[in-house]
C-alpha cells in the first residue's frame, strides 16, 4: 500500500510538468523566394529549436509572401498572423530609427561580422524599439551597390534625375539628397518596375540581382561596397509566453549573436558570389570606382548621419552614443569599413 501511495504521489507531481509541455507548430514567414538562402536559414533555425525542445516545438516555413506582404511582416508577428517573421526595418521609414544606423553607407565590410556586431549592439535597443514583439536576432546582407538599366552611375552627381528603387529609408534619403526620385517597392517587385520603366536603377545585393531576375533588366553595376541592409527575426510575444521554460530556452538559445552570424555568413557568401556571375554575363558592365570617386561618394553620404541622428533624437535616443557603440561593436567583430 505504501509503495502504491508513493507511486500515486510521484505521478501527481509529474503530471502538471508533462501537461505544460504542449506541442507548438510555429509558422515562420518570409517574403523572398524559396530558392533564396534565407529559406534554408529559417529551416535551420526551426530545426535547431525543434531539436532543443525535444520535439515539442515544430515549424513550417512560408516563403514568398504566402502569409502577407513584405512590408507587413513586423505587424504579422505582432498580431500572430505568423509566429516568427523576417523583417526589413527600413521598409517602414521612421518606425525603427535606431537600427537604421546599420544602413548608413560605407560603415560595414563583412556579412558575418557585420551581422554579429549589429546584433550584439542592437539587443538593448530592441527592447524599446521593437517592444510589440519578441526580438530574436538582427543581421545584414553583404555590402551592396547600384545596378542601373539606363546609364552608368560613376559619381554622386549621376543620380540627379534618375528614378531609383532604394533598399531602405536611408538609401531613399540618399537618392533624394542627390536629386533622384525614389520608387518604392519590395524586393520581389523590382524586376517588374525596372522592366516597365517605372525605375531606372536599384540598390541591391549581387547574388539577389540574379535570383530575382534583375540581371535581365539592368546593364551597369558599380563594384563598390556602398551600403548594407539591416534585417531581423522577430516572434509573436503571446506564442512565446505560452511556452514552458524548457521551450522558451530552446528559442532563446537560437536567438543569440552567434545565431545572427550563422544567418548572415551563408547569405553573405551567396551574395558575394553574384559579382563573378554578373561579370561572366554578356551585355553587362561591372566597374570599380577610383579612390577619388569613392571619396566623393563618402563625402556625399555624410549628411545621412545627421538625418539619422535627428530621427533618433525625436524618439528620445542619443545618436552620438549609439553610433559610437555600433562602431566599437563592428571593430570587435572585424567588420568596420575602412
Protein backbone atom coordinates (compact mmCIF):
# COMPACT_ATOMS: atom_id res chain seq x y z
CA UNK A 1 0.00 0.00 0.00
CA UNK A 2 2.83 2.33 0.94
CA UNK A 3 4.55 1.76 -2.43
CA UNK A 4 1.28 2.33 -4.28
CA UNK A 5 0.70 5.57 -2.34
CA UNK A 6 4.21 6.84 -3.12
CA UNK A 7 3.73 6.00 -6.78
CA UNK A 8 0.49 8.00 -6.82
CA UNK A 9 2.25 10.99 -5.21
CA UNK A 10 5.05 10.80 -7.77
CA UNK A 11 2.56 10.65 -10.66
CA UNK A 12 0.68 13.62 -9.26
CA UNK A 13 3.86 15.69 -9.08
CA UNK A 14 4.99 14.78 -12.62
CA UNK A 15 1.68 15.18 -14.46
CA UNK A 16 1.49 19.03 -14.36
CA UNK A 17 5.01 19.31 -15.76
CA UNK A 18 4.14 16.95 -18.59
CA UNK A 19 0.91 18.78 -19.28
CA UNK A 20 2.81 22.06 -19.54
CA UNK A 21 4.90 20.73 -22.43
CA UNK A 22 2.26 21.07 -25.08
CA UNK A 23 3.34 20.93 -28.71
CA UNK A 24 3.59 24.08 -30.83
CA UNK A 25 3.89 24.33 -34.59
CA UNK A 26 5.46 27.68 -35.41
CA UNK A 27 4.63 29.47 -38.66
CA UNK A 28 7.90 31.00 -39.94
CA UNK A 29 7.19 33.60 -42.62
CA UNK A 30 9.38 35.43 -45.11
CA UNK A 31 8.90 37.24 -48.42
CA UNK A 32 11.73 36.12 -50.69
CA UNK A 33 11.60 33.06 -52.98
CA UNK A 34 12.06 29.59 -51.53
CA UNK A 35 15.30 29.39 -53.57
CA UNK A 36 16.78 32.28 -51.54
CA UNK A 37 19.39 31.35 -48.88
CA UNK A 38 17.07 32.78 -46.23
CA UNK A 39 14.76 29.80 -46.73
CA UNK A 40 17.47 27.42 -45.50
CA UNK A 41 18.41 29.83 -42.70
CA UNK A 42 14.86 29.70 -41.36
CA UNK A 43 14.65 25.94 -41.84
CA UNK A 44 17.91 25.53 -39.92
CA UNK A 45 16.65 27.87 -37.19
CA UNK A 46 13.39 25.92 -36.87
CA UNK A 47 15.20 22.56 -36.84
CA UNK A 48 17.57 23.73 -34.09
CA UNK A 49 14.64 24.92 -31.94
CA UNK A 50 12.77 21.66 -32.55
CA UNK A 51 15.77 19.60 -31.51
CA UNK A 52 16.45 21.60 -28.34
CA UNK A 53 12.77 21.47 -27.35
CA UNK A 54 12.79 17.68 -27.51
CA UNK A 55 10.45 17.79 -30.50
CA UNK A 56 7.71 19.78 -28.76
CA UNK A 57 8.25 22.86 -30.96
CA UNK A 58 7.73 22.08 -34.63
CA UNK A 59 7.80 24.52 -37.52
CA UNK A 60 6.77 25.24 -41.09
CA UNK A 61 8.37 27.88 -43.32
CA UNK A 62 6.09 30.00 -45.52
CA UNK A 63 8.14 31.75 -48.26
CA UNK A 64 7.37 34.29 -50.97
CA UNK A 65 4.76 36.43 -49.18
CA UNK A 66 2.36 33.49 -48.73
CA UNK A 67 1.10 34.85 -45.40
CA UNK A 68 1.38 38.55 -46.18
CA UNK A 69 3.25 41.35 -47.95
CA UNK A 70 6.91 42.08 -47.22
CA UNK A 71 6.09 45.47 -45.67
CA UNK A 72 3.67 43.85 -43.18
CA UNK A 73 5.92 41.22 -41.62
CA UNK A 74 6.61 43.06 -38.35
CA UNK A 75 2.90 43.57 -37.73
CA UNK A 76 2.22 39.97 -38.77
CA UNK A 77 4.44 38.78 -35.91
CA UNK A 78 2.88 41.29 -33.50
CA UNK A 79 -0.66 40.21 -34.41
CA UNK A 80 0.01 36.46 -34.57
CA UNK A 81 -0.63 36.05 -38.30
CA UNK A 82 2.77 34.36 -38.25
CA UNK A 83 4.81 33.26 -35.23
CA UNK A 84 8.30 34.18 -36.45
CA UNK A 85 8.90 36.64 -39.28
CA UNK A 86 11.79 38.05 -41.27
CA UNK A 87 11.64 41.85 -41.40
CA UNK A 88 13.43 44.72 -43.14
CA UNK A 89 13.03 47.61 -40.65
CA UNK A 90 13.97 50.09 -43.39
CA UNK A 91 10.79 49.26 -45.30
CA UNK A 92 8.93 51.46 -42.79
CA UNK A 93 10.75 54.82 -42.62
CA UNK A 94 10.79 56.42 -39.18
CA UNK A 95 9.35 53.45 -37.30
CA UNK A 96 12.66 51.88 -36.19
CA UNK A 97 15.12 54.78 -36.22
CA UNK A 98 17.92 53.28 -34.11
CA UNK A 99 18.56 50.13 -36.11
CA UNK A 100 18.78 52.44 -39.13
CA UNK A 101 22.36 53.20 -38.06
CA UNK A 102 23.31 49.91 -39.71
CA UNK A 103 22.04 51.28 -43.05
CA UNK A 104 24.49 54.20 -43.13
CA UNK A 105 26.73 53.95 -46.23
CA UNK A 106 30.36 52.84 -46.06
CA UNK A 107 30.02 51.55 -42.49
CA UNK A 108 30.23 47.74 -42.71
CA UNK A 109 32.63 45.48 -44.60
CA UNK A 110 31.52 41.90 -43.96
CA UNK A 111 28.22 39.99 -43.70
CA UNK A 112 29.09 37.59 -40.87
CA UNK A 113 30.99 40.03 -38.66
CA UNK A 114 28.56 42.81 -39.52
CA UNK A 115 25.61 40.62 -38.54
CA UNK A 116 27.15 39.70 -35.19
CA UNK A 117 28.20 43.29 -34.50
CA UNK A 118 24.76 44.69 -35.37
CA UNK A 119 23.00 42.05 -33.26
CA UNK A 120 25.25 42.49 -30.20
CA UNK A 121 24.82 46.27 -30.36
CA UNK A 122 21.08 46.38 -31.03
CA UNK A 123 19.86 43.98 -28.33
CA UNK A 124 19.45 46.62 -25.63
CA UNK A 125 17.69 49.00 -28.01
CA UNK A 126 15.34 46.35 -29.41
CA UNK A 127 13.56 46.11 -26.04
CA UNK A 128 12.15 49.59 -26.65
CA UNK A 129 12.18 49.94 -30.43
CA UNK A 130 10.58 46.57 -31.17
CA UNK A 131 8.62 46.20 -27.94
CA UNK A 132 5.50 44.77 -29.65
CA UNK A 133 7.34 41.52 -30.44
CA UNK A 134 9.99 39.25 -29.00
CA UNK A 135 13.20 40.27 -30.74
CA UNK A 136 15.18 37.22 -31.80
CA UNK A 137 18.21 38.38 -33.78
CA UNK A 138 19.44 41.01 -36.25
CA UNK A 139 21.69 40.57 -39.27
CA UNK A 140 22.78 42.13 -42.59
CA UNK A 141 23.46 41.06 -46.15
CA UNK A 142 26.80 41.68 -47.87
CA UNK A 143 27.81 45.24 -48.75
CA UNK A 144 25.90 46.15 -51.90
CA UNK A 145 25.60 48.73 -54.66
CA UNK A 146 23.73 50.43 -57.53
CA UNK A 147 22.58 48.41 -60.56
CA UNK A 148 21.29 50.50 -63.47
CA UNK A 149 19.46 49.97 -66.74
CA UNK A 150 19.67 53.36 -68.40
CA UNK A 151 23.12 54.79 -67.68
CA UNK A 152 26.45 54.19 -65.98
CA UNK A 153 26.50 55.68 -62.47
CA UNK A 154 30.02 56.79 -61.51
CA UNK A 155 29.75 59.87 -59.29
CA UNK A 156 27.02 61.07 -56.90
CA UNK A 157 26.03 63.70 -59.48
CA UNK A 158 24.92 60.93 -61.84
CA UNK A 159 21.94 60.17 -59.57
CA UNK A 160 20.32 63.52 -60.41
CA UNK A 161 17.14 63.00 -62.43
CA UNK A 162 17.16 59.20 -62.07
CA UNK A 163 14.28 57.09 -60.75
CA UNK A 164 15.73 54.65 -58.22
CA UNK A 165 14.28 51.90 -56.07
CA UNK A 166 16.15 52.21 -52.75
CA UNK A 167 16.84 49.30 -50.40
CA UNK A 168 15.58 51.13 -47.34
CA UNK A 169 14.84 54.52 -45.78
CA UNK A 170 18.48 55.64 -45.56
CA UNK A 171 19.19 54.94 -49.22
CA UNK A 172 15.91 56.67 -50.06
CA UNK A 173 17.16 59.78 -48.25
CA UNK A 174 20.46 59.48 -50.12
CA UNK A 175 18.71 59.33 -53.51
CA UNK A 176 16.56 62.37 -52.67
CA UNK A 177 19.55 64.31 -51.40
CA UNK A 178 21.38 63.64 -54.68
CA UNK A 179 18.46 64.85 -56.81
CA UNK A 180 16.95 61.49 -57.73
CA UNK A 181 13.39 60.24 -57.33
CA UNK A 182 12.53 57.23 -55.16
CA UNK A 183 10.32 54.42 -56.41
CA UNK A 184 9.07 52.28 -53.53
CA UNK A 185 8.67 48.53 -53.97
CA UNK A 186 9.51 45.32 -52.15
CA UNK A 187 12.32 43.13 -53.48
CA UNK A 188 10.04 40.70 -55.38
CA UNK A 189 8.62 43.61 -57.41
CA UNK A 190 11.92 45.19 -58.51
CA UNK A 191 12.35 43.44 -61.87
CA UNK A 192 8.87 44.48 -62.95
CA UNK A 193 9.24 48.17 -62.12
CA UNK A 194 12.58 48.41 -63.95
CA UNK A 195 11.26 46.47 -66.94
CA UNK A 196 8.28 48.84 -67.19
CA UNK A 197 10.49 51.92 -66.91
CA UNK A 198 9.00 52.94 -63.56
CA UNK A 199 12.55 52.81 -62.14
CA UNK A 200 15.94 53.24 -63.86
CA UNK A 201 18.10 51.69 -61.17
CA UNK A 202 18.07 49.76 -57.90
CA UNK A 203 20.27 49.34 -54.85
CA UNK A 204 20.53 45.58 -54.36
CA UNK A 205 22.93 42.80 -53.27
CA UNK A 206 24.75 40.94 -56.06
CA UNK A 207 23.51 37.36 -55.81
CA UNK A 208 19.92 38.52 -55.42
CA UNK A 209 20.19 40.51 -58.66
CA UNK A 210 20.39 37.15 -60.43
CA UNK A 211 17.90 35.38 -58.15
CA UNK A 212 15.18 37.98 -58.71
CA UNK A 213 15.87 38.26 -62.46
CA UNK A 214 17.09 41.84 -62.16
CA UNK A 215 20.12 40.92 -64.33
CA UNK A 216 17.62 40.65 -67.21
CA UNK A 217 16.71 44.34 -66.92
CA UNK A 218 19.97 46.01 -65.83
CA UNK A 219 23.34 46.56 -67.52
CA UNK A 220 25.63 48.74 -65.37
CA UNK A 221 26.93 47.73 -61.93
CA UNK A 222 29.24 49.62 -59.55
CA UNK A 223 31.67 47.19 -57.89
CA UNK A 224 31.86 49.00 -54.55
CA UNK A 225 30.60 48.19 -51.01
CA UNK A 226 28.31 51.20 -50.70
CA UNK A 227 25.68 50.08 -48.17
CA UNK A 228 24.09 47.15 -46.33
CA UNK A 229 20.52 46.44 -45.28
CA UNK A 230 19.54 45.51 -41.74
CA UNK A 231 17.13 42.65 -41.07
CA UNK A 232 15.70 40.86 -38.05
CA UNK A 233 13.84 37.75 -36.98
CA UNK A 234 11.02 38.66 -34.57
CA UNK A 235 8.49 36.48 -32.76
CA UNK A 236 4.91 36.78 -31.54
CA UNK A 237 5.05 37.53 -27.80
CA UNK A 238 1.89 35.64 -26.88
CA UNK A 239 3.10 32.43 -28.52
CA UNK A 240 6.45 32.69 -26.73
CA UNK A 241 4.75 33.37 -23.37
CA UNK A 242 2.57 30.26 -23.74
CA UNK A 243 5.66 28.06 -23.80
CA UNK A 244 7.22 26.17 -20.90
CA UNK A 245 10.58 27.29 -19.50
CA UNK A 246 12.32 24.49 -21.40
CA UNK A 247 10.67 25.52 -24.65
CA UNK A 248 11.49 29.20 -24.09
CA UNK A 249 15.11 28.20 -23.52
CA UNK A 250 15.12 26.31 -26.84
CA UNK A 251 14.01 29.52 -28.56
CA UNK A 252 16.36 31.78 -26.58
CA UNK A 253 19.36 29.56 -27.37
CA UNK A 254 18.75 30.26 -31.05
CA UNK A 255 18.12 33.97 -30.63
CA UNK A 256 21.74 34.95 -29.97
CA UNK A 257 24.57 36.93 -31.52
CA UNK A 258 26.19 33.65 -32.61
CA UNK A 259 22.93 32.65 -34.32
CA UNK A 260 22.91 36.02 -36.12
CA UNK A 261 26.34 35.16 -37.53
CA UNK A 262 25.06 31.77 -38.68
CA UNK A 263 22.30 33.53 -40.62
CA UNK A 264 24.49 36.30 -42.05
CA UNK A 265 27.50 34.24 -43.17
CA UNK A 266 25.98 31.86 -45.77
CA UNK A 267 23.78 34.59 -47.18
CA UNK A 268 26.84 36.85 -47.42
CA UNK A 269 28.76 34.20 -49.37
CA UNK A 270 25.79 33.73 -51.69
CA UNK A 271 25.60 37.46 -52.46
CA UNK A 272 29.37 37.84 -52.91
CA UNK A 273 29.38 35.02 -55.46
CA UNK A 274 26.98 37.08 -57.57
CA UNK A 275 29.74 39.51 -58.57
CA UNK A 276 31.55 36.93 -60.69
CA UNK A 277 28.27 35.59 -62.08
CA UNK A 278 27.32 39.01 -63.43
CA UNK A 279 30.85 39.68 -64.71
CA UNK A 280 30.59 36.49 -66.76
CA UNK A 281 27.35 37.58 -68.45
CA UNK A 282 27.32 39.26 -71.83
CA UNK A 283 25.84 42.73 -72.04
CA UNK A 284 26.86 43.72 -68.50
CA UNK A 285 29.44 46.26 -67.38
CA UNK A 286 30.85 45.81 -63.87
CA UNK A 287 33.23 48.61 -62.97
CA UNK A 288 35.22 49.83 -59.95
CA UNK A 289 35.40 53.39 -58.65
CA UNK A 290 38.67 55.34 -58.47
CA UNK A 291 39.84 56.45 -55.00
CA UNK A 292 38.76 59.99 -55.92
CA UNK A 293 35.27 58.84 -56.92
CA UNK A 294 34.94 56.76 -53.73
CA UNK A 295 35.89 59.84 -51.70
CA UNK A 296 33.14 61.80 -53.49
CA UNK A 297 30.55 59.16 -52.55
CA UNK A 298 31.67 59.11 -48.92
CA UNK A 299 31.53 62.91 -48.74
CA UNK A 300 28.05 62.92 -50.28
CA UNK A 301 26.86 60.39 -47.70
CA UNK A 302 27.96 62.41 -44.66
CA UNK A 303 24.65 64.33 -44.24
CA UNK A 304 22.84 61.00 -43.81
CA UNK A 305 24.42 60.60 -40.38
CA UNK A 306 22.83 63.87 -39.27
CA UNK A 307 19.44 62.90 -40.73
CA UNK A 308 19.59 59.53 -38.96
CA UNK A 309 20.58 61.24 -35.69
CA UNK A 310 17.61 63.61 -35.86
CA UNK A 311 15.26 60.64 -36.17
CA UNK A 312 16.82 59.02 -33.12
CA UNK A 313 16.56 62.22 -31.07
CA UNK A 314 12.84 62.50 -31.87
CA UNK A 315 12.41 59.15 -30.17
CA UNK A 316 14.42 60.20 -27.12
CA UNK A 317 17.67 58.48 -28.08
CA UNK A 318 21.30 59.59 -28.06
CA UNK A 319 22.59 59.16 -31.64
CA UNK A 320 26.21 60.01 -30.88
CA UNK A 321 26.48 57.38 -28.15
CA UNK A 322 24.58 54.79 -30.21
CA UNK A 323 26.76 55.23 -33.30
CA UNK A 324 29.97 55.13 -31.23
CA UNK A 325 28.76 51.86 -29.64
CA UNK A 326 27.94 50.37 -33.05
CA UNK A 327 31.37 51.27 -34.44
CA UNK A 328 33.01 49.71 -31.38
CA UNK A 329 30.99 46.54 -31.93
CA UNK A 330 31.96 46.47 -35.62
CA UNK A 331 35.61 46.86 -34.64
CA UNK A 332 35.29 43.95 -32.20
CA UNK A 333 33.88 41.69 -34.93
CA UNK A 334 36.32 42.93 -37.63
CA UNK A 335 33.57 44.36 -39.79
CA UNK A 336 34.14 48.14 -39.69
CA UNK A 337 34.67 49.50 -43.21
CA UNK A 338 37.90 51.41 -43.73
